[in-house]
Amino acid sequence: MIDTGCGIPKVDLERIIQPYERSVCVHSQAIPGAGLGLSITNGLLYSMGSCLQIESTHQIGTCASFRICFQRTSALPISKLEAIKSIDLAIYHPMFSGKVALIIDDYPACRDIVSQQLKHFGFLCLQADNAEDAIRIVRQKSIDLVLTDEFMPDMTGRQLASHLLDLQPDMKIIILTGDILFANKLSSSDHQLMSDYLIKPVQLQELLGSLKKVLSEDLSRWEFHRLLDLAHQDESAAYAILESVLKTQEELLEVLQTHSFQTIDPQLQHISHKILGGARLINATQLIQYCLMIANTDHHHDNYLIDLLCKELSILNDEIWLFLTTAQIDST
């Protein structure tokens, strides 16, 4: 959707997605409207696994777009359609396997819901119902992520965040609030206390988006849900494909290590092409990049690139093996 006009200033692009927020046009006049349209639209897109992308150029106009992938319902039986609806994001996606999260809320049901959502992404979850207990836990344990309610009896989430960061400065903190106007009340110092904030009740897709933004450097090297999509959400089939990918990649890694390639020759490029096929199935982005670099390089004596490929493939194989082993233990 494209329009022409004064455009939206860059400083407003993220803000106007929030409820009741509006941009300004020429002469600092607010653009008419209640400021709910974009927020409602983005909420509907989130429920379908997408989000609104907005680009704007001063005095030229604005382009708003989104992308959604749907199953071909006409080609699926009713039973399969119901299965797809019921699975959705509830499938266990261990993107942050082993990370420790602390959920702080004085309402037990809210803590339990957030805890269950985080467990779907591989987190180990601890809970506290007040600020004093939360501080005690952080003093005793290393915490990767804190999700705290903003409005609690003893102190606000932002006040608690300040105390927690004094104990663990690198900790990531997400504030949870039911106040849809929360963004309007934040100061520059408040932004420094939190990594992100979410409006309650938090949908699973919204939480995942926030986790990816806050812990982007800790994301897994690959994506199991990519295989689930390829297998039409058949979990057993996805595991079987993953086992096959791992077996092939281990064999290719052994060939690389046995031959000890010193140059990028046609044989190495052929092996790299095979590795690329498996990497694309699981969206192993770093491995894909190395394979493409080897396929397109003009430097035939690039030992460093060959070492990077072997190292990344070895680490990836270990991660997949651990994932499959954990899945087998959980199934028993």
C-alpha atoms as a PDB file:
ATOM      1  CA  MET A   1       0.000   0.000   0.000  1.00  0.00           C
ATOM      2  CA  ILE A   2       1.638   3.204  -1.184  1.00  0.00           C
ATOM      3  CA  ASP A   3       0.608   6.825  -0.839  1.00  0.00           C
ATOM      4  CA  THR A   4       2.132  10.176  -1.762  1.00  0.00           C
ATOM      5  CA  GLY A   5       2.445  13.097   0.606  1.00  0.00           C
ATOM      6  CA  CYS A   6       4.628  14.584   3.315  1.00  0.00           C
ATOM      7  CA  GLY A   7       5.924  11.204   4.474  1.00  0.00           C
ATOM      8  CA  ILE A   8       6.627  10.040   8.033  1.00  0.00           C
ATOM      9  CA  PRO A   9       9.764  11.190   9.887  1.00  0.00           C
ATOM     10  CA  LYS A  10      12.179   8.370  10.776  1.00  0.00           C
ATOM     11  CA  VAL A  11      11.816   9.125  14.496  1.00  0.00           C
ATOM     12  CA  ASP A  12       8.069   8.372  14.216  1.00  0.00           C
ATOM     13  CA  LEU A  13       8.221   5.098  12.263  1.00  0.00           C
ATOM     14  CA  GLU A  14       8.375   2.786  15.300  1.00  0.00           C
ATOM     15  CA  ARG A  15       6.242   4.991  17.560  1.00  0.00           C
ATOM     16  CA  ILE A  16       3.195   5.174  15.290  1.00  0.00           C
ATOM     17  CA  ILE A  17       2.629   1.413  15.535  1.00  0.00           C
ATOM     18  CA  GLN A  18       1.675   1.930  19.190  1.00  0.00           C
ATOM     19  CA  PRO A  19      -1.995   2.582  20.092  1.00  0.00           C
ATOM     20  CA  TYR A  20      -3.153   6.214  19.944  1.00  0.00           C
ATOM     21  CA  GLU A  21       0.121   7.389  18.438  1.00  0.00           C
ATOM     22  CA  ARG A  22       0.090   9.670  15.380  1.00  0.00           C
ATOM     23  CA  SER A  23       2.751  11.229  13.217  1.00  0.00           C
ATOM     24  CA  VAL A  24       3.023  14.899  12.301  1.00  0.00           C
ATOM     25  CA  CYS A  25       3.014  16.476   8.852  1.00  0.00           C
ATOM     26  CA  VAL A  26       3.978  19.950   7.695  1.00  0.00           C
ATOM     27  CA  HIS A  27       3.866  22.803  10.202  1.00  0.00           C
ATOM     28  CA  SER A  28       3.911  20.204  13.064  1.00  0.00           C
ATOM     29  CA  GLN A  29       0.222  19.441  12.612  1.00  0.00           C
ATOM     30  CA  ALA A  30      -0.894  15.998  13.781  1.00  0.00           C
ATOM     31  CA  ILE A  31      -2.316  13.782  11.061  1.00  0.00           C
ATOM     32  CA  PRO A  32      -6.086  13.264  11.695  1.00  0.00           C
ATOM     33  CA  GLY A  33      -7.373  10.054  13.225  1.00  0.00           C
ATOM     34  CA  ALA A  34      -7.524   8.206  16.541  1.00  0.00           C
ATOM     35  CA  GLY A  35      -4.146   6.556  16.089  1.00  0.00           C
ATOM     36  CA  LEU A  36      -5.531   3.011  16.313  1.00  0.00           C
ATOM     37  CA  GLY A  37      -5.554   1.854  12.691  1.00  0.00           C
ATOM     38  CA  LEU A  38      -1.906   0.826  12.397  1.00  0.00           C
ATOM     39  CA  SER A  39      -1.901  -0.761  15.855  1.00  0.00           C
ATOM     40  CA  ILE A  40      -4.990  -2.881  15.086  1.00  0.00           C
ATOM     41  CA  THR A  41      -3.612  -3.852  11.682  1.00  0.00           C
ATOM     42  CA  ASN A  42      -0.270  -4.891  13.179  1.00  0.00           C
ATOM     43  CA  GLY A  43      -2.057  -6.883  15.888  1.00  0.00           C
ATOM     44  CA  LEU A  44      -4.042  -8.805  13.273  1.00  0.00           C
ATOM     45  CA  LEU A  45      -0.853  -9.499  11.316  1.00  0.00           C
ATOM     46  CA  TYR A  46       0.911 -10.733  14.470  1.00  0.00           C
ATOM     47  CA  SER A  47      -1.897 -13.241  15.015  1.00  0.00           C
ATOM     48  CA  MET A  48      -1.114 -14.639  11.554  1.00  0.00           C
ATOM     49  CA  GLY A  49       2.646 -14.770  12.064  1.00  0.00           C
ATOM     50  CA  SER A  50       3.539 -11.540  10.283  1.00  0.00           C
ATOM     51  CA  CYS A  51       4.048  -7.848  10.999  1.00  0.00           C
ATOM     52  CA  LEU A  52       3.679  -4.474   9.306  1.00  0.00           C
ATOM     53  CA  GLN A  53       6.709  -3.059   7.491  1.00  0.00           C
ATOM     54  CA  ILE A  54       6.683   0.713   6.958  1.00  0.00           C
ATOM     55  CA  GLU A  55       9.072   2.713   4.785  1.00  0.00           C
ATOM     56  CA  SER A  56       8.755   6.441   4.213  1.00  0.00           C
ATOM     57  CA  THR A  57      10.593   9.224   2.388  1.00  0.00           C
ATOM     58  CA  HIS A  58      10.203  12.914   3.219  1.00  0.00           C
ATOM     59  CA  GLN A  59       7.979  14.786   0.734  1.00  0.00           C
ATOM     60  CA  ILE A  60       7.558  11.632  -1.377  1.00  0.00           C
ATOM     61  CA  GLY A  61       5.280   9.291   0.557  1.00  0.00           C
ATOM     62  CA  THR A  62       4.931   6.092   2.523  1.00  0.00           C
ATOM     63  CA  CYS A  63       4.839   2.375   1.686  1.00  0.00           C
ATOM     64  CA  ALA A  64       3.247  -0.098   4.132  1.00  0.00           C
ATOM     65  CA  SER A  65       3.556  -3.803   3.370  1.00  0.00           C
ATOM     66  CA  PHE A  66       3.347  -7.252   4.907  1.00  0.00           C
ATOM     67  CA  ARG A  67       3.948 -10.844   3.867  1.00  0.00           C
ATOM     68  CA  ILE A  68       1.937 -13.874   4.974  1.00  0.00           C
ATOM     69  CA  CYS A  69       2.275 -17.500   3.882  1.00  0.00           C
ATOM     70  CA  PHE A  70      -0.852 -19.669   4.016  1.00  0.00           C
ATOM     71  CA  GLN A  71      -1.475 -23.360   3.556  1.00  0.00           C
ATOM     72  CA  ARG A  72      -3.441 -24.244   0.402  1.00  0.00           C
ATOM     73  CA  THR A  73      -6.679 -25.174   2.150  1.00  0.00           C
ATOM     74  CA  SER A  74      -8.281 -26.546  -1.014  1.00  0.00           C
ATOM     75  CA  ALA A  75      -5.576 -29.215  -1.211  1.00  0.00           C
ATOM     76  CA  LEU A  76      -5.858 -30.405   2.407  1.00  0.00           C
ATOM     77  CA  PRO A  77      -8.469 -32.621   4.070  1.00  0.00           C
ATOM     78  CA  ILE A  78     -10.456 -31.169   6.968  1.00  0.00           C
ATOM     79  CA  SER A  79      -8.606 -33.329   9.525  1.00  0.00           C
ATOM     80  CA  LYS A  80      -5.252 -31.957   8.323  1.00  0.00           C
ATOM     81  CA  LEU A  81      -6.542 -28.386   8.521  1.00  0.00           C
ATOM     82  CA  GLU A  82      -7.628 -28.858  12.124  1.00  0.00           C
ATOM     83  CA  ALA A  83      -4.233 -30.369  12.981  1.00  0.00           C
ATOM     84  CA  ILE A  84      -2.429 -27.352  11.517  1.00  0.00           C
ATOM     85  CA  LYS A  85      -4.622 -24.961  13.511  1.00  0.00           C
ATOM     86  CA  SER A  86      -4.023 -26.822  16.762  1.00  0.00           C
ATOM     87  CA  ILE A  87      -0.224 -27.129  16.378  1.00  0.00           C
ATOM     88  CA  ASP A  88       0.681 -23.573  15.311  1.00  0.00           C
ATOM     89  CA  LEU A  89       3.432 -22.132  17.546  1.00  0.00           C
ATOM     90  CA  ALA A  90       2.782 -24.588  20.374  1.00  0.00           C
ATOM     91  CA  ILE A  91       5.449 -26.892  18.908  1.00  0.00           C
ATOM     92  CA  TYR A  92       8.634 -26.878  20.936  1.00  0.00           C
ATOM     93  CA  HIS A  93      11.205 -24.657  19.204  1.00  0.00           C
ATOM     94  CA  PRO A  94      14.418 -24.678  21.311  1.00  0.00           C
ATOM     95  CA  MET A  95      15.881 -21.468  19.915  1.00  0.00           C
ATOM     96  CA  PHE A  96      17.215 -20.450  23.329  1.00  0.00           C
ATOM     97  CA  SER A  97      17.904 -23.879  24.787  1.00  0.00           C
ATOM     98  CA  GLY A  98      19.552 -23.695  28.219  1.00  0.00           C
ATOM     99  CA  LYS A  99      18.979 -19.965  28.758  1.00  0.00           C
ATOM    100  CA  VAL A 100      17.652 -19.049  32.212  1.00  0.00           C
ATOM    101  CA  ALA A 101      14.685 -16.689  32.516  1.00  0.00           C
ATOM    102  CA  LEU A 102      13.228 -15.133  35.656  1.00  0.00           C
ATOM    103  CA  ILE A 103       9.524 -14.184  35.568  1.00  0.00           C
ATOM    104  CA  ILE A 104       8.375 -11.653  38.181  1.00  0.00           C
ATOM    105  CA  ASP A 105       4.672 -10.961  38.744  1.00  0.00           C
ATOM    106  CA  ASP A 106       2.467 -10.845  41.841  1.00  0.00           C
ATOM    107  CA  TYR A 107      -0.320 -12.656  39.946  1.00  0.00           C
ATOM    108  CA  PRO A 108       0.445 -16.429  39.786  1.00  0.00           C
ATOM    109  CA  ALA A 109      -1.541 -17.130  36.597  1.00  0.00           C
ATOM    110  CA  CYS A 110       0.417 -14.476  34.682  1.00  0.00           C
ATOM    111  CA  ARG A 111       3.719 -15.980  35.833  1.00  0.00           C
ATOM    112  CA  ASP A 112       2.627 -19.468  34.811  1.00  0.00           C
ATOM    113  CA  ILE A 113       1.482 -18.396  31.341  1.00  0.00           C
ATOM    114  CA  VAL A 114       4.719 -16.566  30.543  1.00  0.00           C
ATOM    115  CA  SER A 115       6.736 -19.454  31.958  1.00  0.00           C
ATOM    116  CA  GLN A 116       4.971 -21.961  29.706  1.00  0.00           C
ATOM    117  CA  GLN A 117       5.505 -19.711  26.680  1.00  0.00           C
ATOM    118  CA  LEU A 118       9.232 -19.384  27.396  1.00  0.00           C
ATOM    119  CA  LYS A 119       9.615 -23.144  27.873  1.00  0.00           C
ATOM    120  CA  HIS A 120       8.429 -23.609  24.280  1.00  0.00           C
ATOM    121  CA  PHE A 121      11.569 -21.761  23.197  1.00  0.00           C
ATOM    122  CA  GLY A 122      13.919 -23.798  25.390  1.00  0.00           C
ATOM    123  CA  PHE A 123      14.241 -21.535  28.447  1.00  0.00           C
ATOM    124  CA  LEU A 124      14.723 -22.789  31.979  1.00  0.00           C
ATOM    125  CA  CYS A 125      12.283 -20.719  34.042  1.00  0.00           C
ATOM    126  CA  LEU A 126      12.383 -19.356  37.594  1.00  0.00           C
ATOM    127  CA  GLN A 127       9.589 -17.351  39.216  1.00  0.00           C
ATOM    128  CA  ALA A 128       9.237 -14.662  41.874  1.00  0.00           C
ATOM    129  CA  ASP A 129       6.116 -12.884  43.118  1.00  0.00           C
ATOM    130  CA  ASN A 130       7.834  -9.785  44.519  1.00  0.00           C
ATOM    131  CA  ALA A 131      10.895  -7.607  44.042  1.00  0.00           C
ATOM    132  CA  GLU A 132      12.688  -8.795  47.199  1.00  0.00           C
ATOM    133  CA  ASP A 133      12.601 -12.457  46.090  1.00  0.00           C
ATOM    134  CA  ALA A 134      13.662 -11.488  42.583  1.00  0.00           C
ATOM    135  CA  ILE A 135      16.735  -9.642  43.885  1.00  0.00           C
ATOM    136  CA  ARG A 136      17.619 -12.610  46.099  1.00  0.00           C
ATOM    137  CA  ILE A 137      17.436 -15.016  43.125  1.00  0.00           C
ATOM    138  CA  VAL A 138      19.589 -12.761  40.938  1.00  0.00           C
ATOM    139  CA  ARG A 139      22.214 -12.560  43.691  1.00  0.00           C
ATOM    140  CA  GLN A 140      22.376 -16.364  43.784  1.00  0.00           C
ATOM    141  CA  LYS A 141      22.054 -17.347  40.119  1.00  0.00           C
ATOM    142  CA  SER A 142      23.184 -16.205  36.686  1.00  0.00           C
ATOM    143  CA  ILE A 143      20.108 -14.997  34.798  1.00  0.00           C
ATOM    144  CA  ASP A 144      19.995 -14.436  31.031  1.00  0.00           C
ATOM    145  CA  LEU A 145      16.574 -12.800  30.801  1.00  0.00           C
ATOM    146  CA  VAL A 146      14.114 -11.140  33.171  1.00  0.00           C
ATOM    147  CA  LEU A 147      10.447 -10.530  32.391  1.00  0.00           C
ATOM    148  CA  THR A 148       8.865  -8.381  35.082  1.00  0.00           C
ATOM    149  CA  ASP A 149       5.444  -6.847  35.550  1.00  0.00           C
ATOM    150  CA  GLU A 150       5.548  -3.060  35.679  1.00  0.00           C
ATOM    151  CA  PHE A 151       2.928  -2.592  38.416  1.00  0.00           C
ATOM    152  CA  MET A 152       3.661  -4.530  41.611  1.00  0.00           C
ATOM    153  CA  PRO A 153       2.905  -3.696  45.265  1.00  0.00           C
ATOM    154  CA  ASP A 154       6.483  -3.060  46.465  1.00  0.00           C
ATOM    155  CA  MET A 155       8.083  -1.310  43.459  1.00  0.00           C
ATOM    156  CA  THR A 156       7.616  -0.787  39.733  1.00  0.00           C
ATOM    157  CA  GLY A 157       9.233  -2.966  37.098  1.00  0.00           C
ATOM    158  CA  ARG A 158      11.516  -0.107  36.099  1.00  0.00           C
ATOM    159  CA  GLN A 159      12.665   0.414  39.681  1.00  0.00           C
ATOM    160  CA  LEU A 160      13.334  -3.300  40.016  1.00  0.00           C
ATOM    161  CA  ALA A 161      15.231  -3.292  36.715  1.00  0.00           C
ATOM    162  CA  SER A 162      17.594  -0.660  38.107  1.00  0.00           C
ATOM    163  CA  HIS A 163      18.392  -2.871  41.135  1.00  0.00           C
ATOM    164  CA  LEU A 164      18.863  -6.002  39.022  1.00  0.00           C
ATOM    165  CA  LEU A 165      21.210  -4.315  36.559  1.00  0.00           C
ATOM    166  CA  ASP A 166      23.423  -3.256  39.473  1.00  0.00           C
ATOM    167  CA  LEU A 167      23.822  -6.970  40.241  1.00  0.00           C
ATOM    168  CA  GLN A 168      24.137  -8.273  36.663  1.00  0.00           C
ATOM    169  CA  PRO A 169      24.822  -5.394  34.228  1.00  0.00           C
ATOM    170  CA  ASP A 170      24.569  -7.554  31.091  1.00  0.00           C
ATOM    171  CA  MET A 171      21.136  -8.919  31.954  1.00  0.00           C
ATOM    172  CA  LYS A 172      18.326  -8.424  29.410  1.00  0.00           C
ATOM    173  CA  ILE A 173      15.059  -7.126  30.889  1.00  0.00           C
ATOM    174  CA  ILE A 174      11.612  -7.070  29.278  1.00  0.00           C
ATOM    175  CA  ILE A 175       8.890  -5.078  31.038  1.00  0.00           C
ATOM    176  CA  LEU A 176       5.341  -6.483  30.896  1.00  0.00           C
ATOM    177  CA  THR A 177       2.444  -4.056  31.282  1.00  0.00           C
ATOM    178  CA  GLY A 178      -1.269  -3.807  30.665  1.00  0.00           C
ATOM    179  CA  ASP A 179      -0.972  -0.053  30.027  1.00  0.00           C
ATOM    180  CA  ILE A 180      -1.365   0.524  26.278  1.00  0.00           C
ATOM    181  CA  LEU A 181      -0.016   4.078  26.746  1.00  0.00           C
ATOM    182  CA  PHE A 182       3.128   2.831  28.504  1.00  0.00           C
ATOM    183  CA  ALA A 183       5.417   4.016  25.680  1.00  0.00           C
ATOM    184  CA  ASN A 184       4.285   7.625  26.187  1.00  0.00           C
ATOM    185  CA  LYS A 185       5.462   7.568  29.805  1.00  0.00           C
ATOM    186  CA  LEU A 186       9.011   6.386  29.148  1.00  0.00           C
ATOM    187  CA  SER A 187      12.003   8.684  29.548  1.00  0.00           C
ATOM    188  CA  SER A 188      15.420   8.216  27.973  1.00  0.00           C
ATOM    189  CA  SER A 189      16.697   6.785  31.277  1.00  0.00           C
ATOM    190  CA  ASP A 190      13.805   4.292  31.309  1.00  0.00           C
ATOM    191  CA  HIS A 191      14.856   2.986  27.896  1.00  0.00           C
ATOM    192  CA  GLN A 192      18.337   2.313  29.269  1.00  0.00           C
ATOM    193  CA  LEU A 193      16.839   0.129  32.024  1.00  0.00           C
ATOM    194  CA  MET A 194      14.936  -2.208  29.702  1.00  0.00           C
ATOM    195  CA  SER A 195      15.699  -4.158  26.564  1.00  0.00           C
ATOM    196  CA  ASP A 196      12.064  -4.136  25.443  1.00  0.00           C
ATOM    197  CA  TYR A 197       8.488  -3.976  26.719  1.00  0.00           C
ATOM    198  CA  LEU A 198       5.349  -5.946  25.846  1.00  0.00           C
ATOM    199  CA  ILE A 199       1.649  -5.237  26.377  1.00  0.00           C
ATOM    200  CA  LYS A 200      -0.205  -7.938  28.333  1.00  0.00           C
ATOM    201  CA  PRO A 201      -1.650 -10.427  27.603  1.00  0.00           C
ATOM    202  CA  VAL A 202       1.386 -11.350  25.489  1.00  0.00           C
ATOM    203  CA  GLN A 203       0.793 -13.523  22.431  1.00  0.00           C
ATOM    204  CA  LEU A 204       3.347 -16.231  21.637  1.00  0.00           C
ATOM    205  CA  GLN A 205       4.327 -14.658  18.307  1.00  0.00           C
ATOM    206  CA  GLU A 206       4.832 -11.255  19.939  1.00  0.00           C
ATOM    207  CA  LEU A 207       7.000 -12.808  22.635  1.00  0.00           C
ATOM    208  CA  LEU A 208       9.110 -14.622  20.050  1.00  0.00           C
ATOM    209  CA  GLY A 209       9.653 -11.389  18.131  1.00  0.00           C
ATOM    210  CA  SER A 210      10.817  -9.635  21.302  1.00  0.00           C
ATOM    211  CA  LEU A 211      13.119 -12.516  22.263  1.00  0.00           C
ATOM    212  CA  LYS A 212      14.758 -12.477  18.828  1.00  0.00           C
ATOM    213  CA  LYS A 213      15.354  -8.742  19.140  1.00  0.00           C
ATOM    214  CA  VAL A 214      16.630  -8.828  22.718  1.00  0.00           C
ATOM    215  CA  LEU A 215      18.721 -12.002  22.480  1.00  0.00           C
ATOM    216  CA  SER A 216      19.605 -11.889  18.779  1.00  0.00           C
ATOM    217  CA  GLU A 217      23.250 -12.749  19.457  1.00  0.00           C
ATOM    218  CA  ASP A 218      22.166 -15.952  21.241  1.00  0.00           C
ATOM    219  CA  LEU A 219      19.955 -17.368  18.501  1.00  0.00           C
ATOM    220  CA  SER A 220      20.527 -20.934  17.429  1.00  0.00           C
ATOM    221  CA  ARG A 221      22.621 -21.511  14.297  1.00  0.00           C
ATOM    222  CA  TRP A 222      19.669 -23.302  12.684  1.00  0.00           C
ATOM    223  CA  GLU A 223      15.856 -23.542  12.781  1.00  0.00           C
ATOM    224  CA  PHE A 224      13.891 -26.713  13.460  1.00  0.00           C
ATOM    225  CA  HIS A 225      10.602 -25.016  12.604  1.00  0.00           C
ATOM    226  CA  ARG A 226      11.931 -24.560   9.058  1.00  0.00           C
ATOM    227  CA  LEU A 227      11.859 -28.359   8.728  1.00  0.00           C
ATOM    228  CA  LEU A 228       8.396 -28.467  10.276  1.00  0.00           C
ATOM    229  CA  ASP A 229       7.147 -26.136   7.567  1.00  0.00           C
ATOM    230  CA  LEU A 230       8.735 -28.286   4.861  1.00  0.00           C
ATOM    231  CA  ALA A 231       7.197 -31.416   6.436  1.00  0.00           C
ATOM    232  CA  HIS A 232       3.706 -29.786   6.605  1.00  0.00           C
ATOM    233  CA  GLN A 233       3.932 -29.699  10.428  1.00  0.00           C
ATOM    234  CA  ASP A 234       4.506 -33.461  10.636  1.00  0.00           C
ATOM    235  CA  GLU A 235       6.830 -33.582  13.646  1.00  0.00           C
ATOM    236  CA  SER A 236       7.905 -37.216  13.140  1.00  0.00           C
ATOM    237  CA  ALA A 237       8.803 -36.550   9.518  1.00  0.00           C
ATOM    238  CA  ALA A 238      10.753 -33.420  10.532  1.00  0.00           C
ATOM    239  CA  TYR A 239      12.829 -35.383  13.049  1.00  0.00           C
ATOM    240  CA  ALA A 240      13.538 -38.066  10.426  1.00  0.00           C
ATOM    241  CA  ILE A 241      14.701 -35.441   7.925  1.00  0.00           C
ATOM    242  CA  LEU A 242      16.899 -33.814  10.567  1.00  0.00           C
ATOM    243  CA  GLU A 243      18.539 -37.156  11.392  1.00  0.00           C
ATOM    244  CA  SER A 244      19.241 -37.662   7.681  1.00  0.00           C
ATOM    245  CA  VAL A 245      20.712 -34.154   7.379  1.00  0.00           C
ATOM    246  CA  LEU A 246      22.959 -34.766  10.392  1.00  0.00           C
ATOM    247  CA  LYS A 247      24.198 -38.095   9.025  1.00  0.00           C
ATOM    248  CA  THR A 248      25.066 -36.553   5.653  1.00  0.00           C
ATOM    249  CA  GLN A 249      26.736 -33.491   7.180  1.00  0.00           C
ATOM    250  CA  GLU A 250      28.851 -35.665   9.490  1.00  0.00           C
ATOM    251  CA  GLU A 251      30.009 -37.726   6.510  1.00  0.00           C
ATOM    252  CA  LEU A 252      30.891 -34.583   4.559  1.00  0.00           C
ATOM    253  CA  LEU A 253      32.768 -33.133   7.531  1.00  0.00           C
ATOM    254  CA  GLU A 254      34.795 -36.349   7.775  1.00  0.00           C
ATOM    255  CA  VAL A 255      35.715 -36.031   4.085  1.00  0.00           C
ATOM    256  CA  LEU A 256      36.822 -32.435   4.625  1.00  0.00           C
ATOM    257  CA  GLN A 257      38.955 -33.360   7.630  1.00  0.00           C
ATOM    258  CA  THR A 258      40.456 -36.462   5.978  1.00  0.00           C
ATOM    259  CA  HIS A 259      41.508 -34.693   2.779  1.00  0.00           C
ATOM    260  CA  SER A 260      42.772 -31.563   4.588  1.00  0.00           C
ATOM    261  CA  PHE A 261      42.013 -29.301   1.629  1.00  0.00           C
ATOM    262  CA  GLN A 262      44.540 -26.503   1.169  1.00  0.00           C
ATOM    263  CA  THR A 263      42.977 -24.966  -1.926  1.00  0.00           C
ATOM    264  CA  ILE A 264      39.455 -24.240  -3.109  1.00  0.00           C
ATOM    265  CA  ASP A 265      39.252 -26.606  -6.033  1.00  0.00           C
ATOM    266  CA  PRO A 266      36.294 -28.187  -7.901  1.00  0.00           C
ATOM    267  CA  GLN A 267      36.198 -31.148  -5.501  1.00  0.00           C
ATOM    268  CA  LEU A 268      35.894 -28.887  -2.466  1.00  0.00           C
ATOM    269  CA  GLN A 269      33.250 -26.777  -4.203  1.00  0.00           C
ATOM    270  CA  HIS A 270      31.286 -29.955  -4.964  1.00  0.00           C
ATOM    271  CA  ILE A 271      31.377 -30.967  -1.281  1.00  0.00           C
ATOM    272  CA  SER A 272      30.453 -27.437  -0.260  1.00  0.00           C
ATOM    273  CA  HIS A 273      27.468 -27.559  -2.618  1.00  0.00           C
ATOM    274  CA  LYS A 274      26.204 -30.707  -0.863  1.00  0.00           C
ATOM    275  CA  ILE A 275      26.650 -29.052   2.534  1.00  0.00           C
ATOM    276  CA  LEU A 276      24.726 -26.042   1.234  1.00  0.00           C
ATOM    277  CA  GLY A 277      21.733 -28.245   0.392  1.00  0.00           C
ATOM    278  CA  GLY A 278      21.401 -29.489   3.969  1.00  0.00           C
ATOM    279  CA  ALA A 279      22.111 -26.058   5.434  1.00  0.00           C
ATOM    280  CA  ARG A 280      19.234 -24.540   3.472  1.00  0.00           C
ATOM    281  CA  LEU A 281      16.814 -27.182   4.768  1.00  0.00           C
ATOM    282  CA  ILE A 282      17.401 -25.983   8.341  1.00  0.00           C
ATOM    283  CA  ASN A 283      18.215 -22.347   7.533  1.00  0.00           C
ATOM    284  CA  ALA A 284      21.746 -22.521   8.959  1.00  0.00           C
ATOM    285  CA  THR A 285      22.550 -18.972   7.857  1.00  0.00           C
ATOM    286  CA  GLN A 286      26.252 -18.830   8.766  1.00  0.00           C
ATOM    287  CA  LEU A 287      26.988 -22.164   7.107  1.00  0.00           C
ATOM    288  CA  ILE A 288      25.046 -21.078   4.018  1.00  0.00           C
ATOM    289  CA  GLN A 289      27.172 -17.941   3.808  1.00  0.00           C
ATOM    290  CA  TYR A 290      30.464 -19.877   3.956  1.00  0.00           C
ATOM    291  CA  CYS A 291      29.291 -22.346   1.280  1.00  0.00           C
ATOM    292  CA  LEU A 292      28.279 -19.517  -1.055  1.00  0.00           C
ATOM    293  CA  MET A 293      31.614 -17.779  -0.492  1.00  0.00           C
ATOM    294  CA  ILE A 294      33.465 -20.956  -1.458  1.00  0.00           C
ATOM    295  CA  ALA A 295      31.269 -21.415  -4.529  1.00  0.00           C
ATOM    296  CA  ASN A 296      31.942 -17.869  -5.746  1.00  0.00           C
ATOM    297  CA  THR A 297      35.498 -17.178  -4.606  1.00  0.00           C
ATOM    298  CA  ASP A 298      38.330 -16.434  -7.022  1.00  0.00           C
ATOM    299  CA  HIS A 299      40.960 -17.062  -4.353  1.00  0.00           C
ATOM    300  CA  HIS A 300      42.040 -20.684  -4.722  1.00  0.00           C
ATOM    301  CA  HIS A 301      44.387 -20.618  -1.710  1.00  0.00           C
ATOM    302  CA  ASP A 302      41.946 -19.355   0.907  1.00  0.00           C
ATOM    303  CA  ASN A 303      42.797 -21.721   3.802  1.00  0.00           C
ATOM    304  CA  TYR A 304      41.076 -19.435   6.288  1.00  0.00           C
ATOM    305  CA  LEU A 305      37.697 -19.832   4.556  1.00  0.00           C
ATOM    306  CA  ILE A 306      38.089 -23.628   4.477  1.00  0.00           C
ATOM    307  CA  ASP A 307      38.839 -23.623   8.227  1.00  0.00           C
ATOM    308  CA  LEU A 308      35.757 -21.505   8.892  1.00  0.00           C
ATOM    309  CA  LEU A 309      33.582 -23.943   6.943  1.00  0.00           C
ATOM    310  CA  CYS A 310      34.902 -26.960   8.885  1.00  0.00           C
ATOM    311  CA  LYS A 311      34.557 -25.234  12.252  1.00  0.00           C
ATOM    312  CA  GLU A 312      31.001 -24.038  11.611  1.00  0.00           C
ATOM    313  CA  LEU A 313      29.903 -27.435  10.296  1.00  0.00           C
ATOM    314  CA  SER A 314      31.379 -29.178  13.343  1.00  0.00           C
ATOM    315  CA  ILE A 315      29.625 -26.839  15.806  1.00  0.00           C
ATOM    316  CA  LEU A 316      26.345 -27.132  13.908  1.00  0.00           C
ATOM    317  CA  ASN A 317      26.513 -30.935  13.890  1.00  0.00           C
ATOM    318  CA  ASP A 318      27.063 -30.937  17.668  1.00  0.00           C
ATOM    319  CA  GLU A 319      24.042 -28.658  18.191  1.00  0.00           C
ATOM    320  CA  ILE A 320      21.785 -30.849  16.052  1.00  0.00           C
ATOM    321  CA  TRP A 321      22.995 -34.015  17.795  1.00  0.00           C
ATOM    322  CA  LEU A 322      22.255 -32.457  21.206  1.00  0.00           C
ATOM    323  CA  PHE A 323      18.816 -31.351  20.021  1.00  0.00           C
ATOM    324  CA  LEU A 324      17.917 -34.834  18.749  1.00  0.00           C
ATOM    325  CA  THR A 325      19.217 -36.469  21.933  1.00  0.00           C
ATOM    326  CA  THR A 326      17.179 -34.099  24.114  1.00  0.00           C
ATOM    327  CA  ALA A 327      14.067 -34.714  22.010  1.00  0.00           C
ATOM    328  CA  GLN A 328      14.437 -38.481  22.425  1.00  0.00           C
ATOM    329  CA  ILE A 329      14.787 -38.117  26.198  1.00  0.00           C
ATOM    330  CA  ASP A 330      11.682 -35.895  26.375  1.00  0.00           C
ATOM    331  CA  SER A 331       9.645 -38.393  24.325  1.00  0.00           C
ATOM    332  CA  THR A 332      10.402 -41.144  26.855  1.00  0.00           C
END
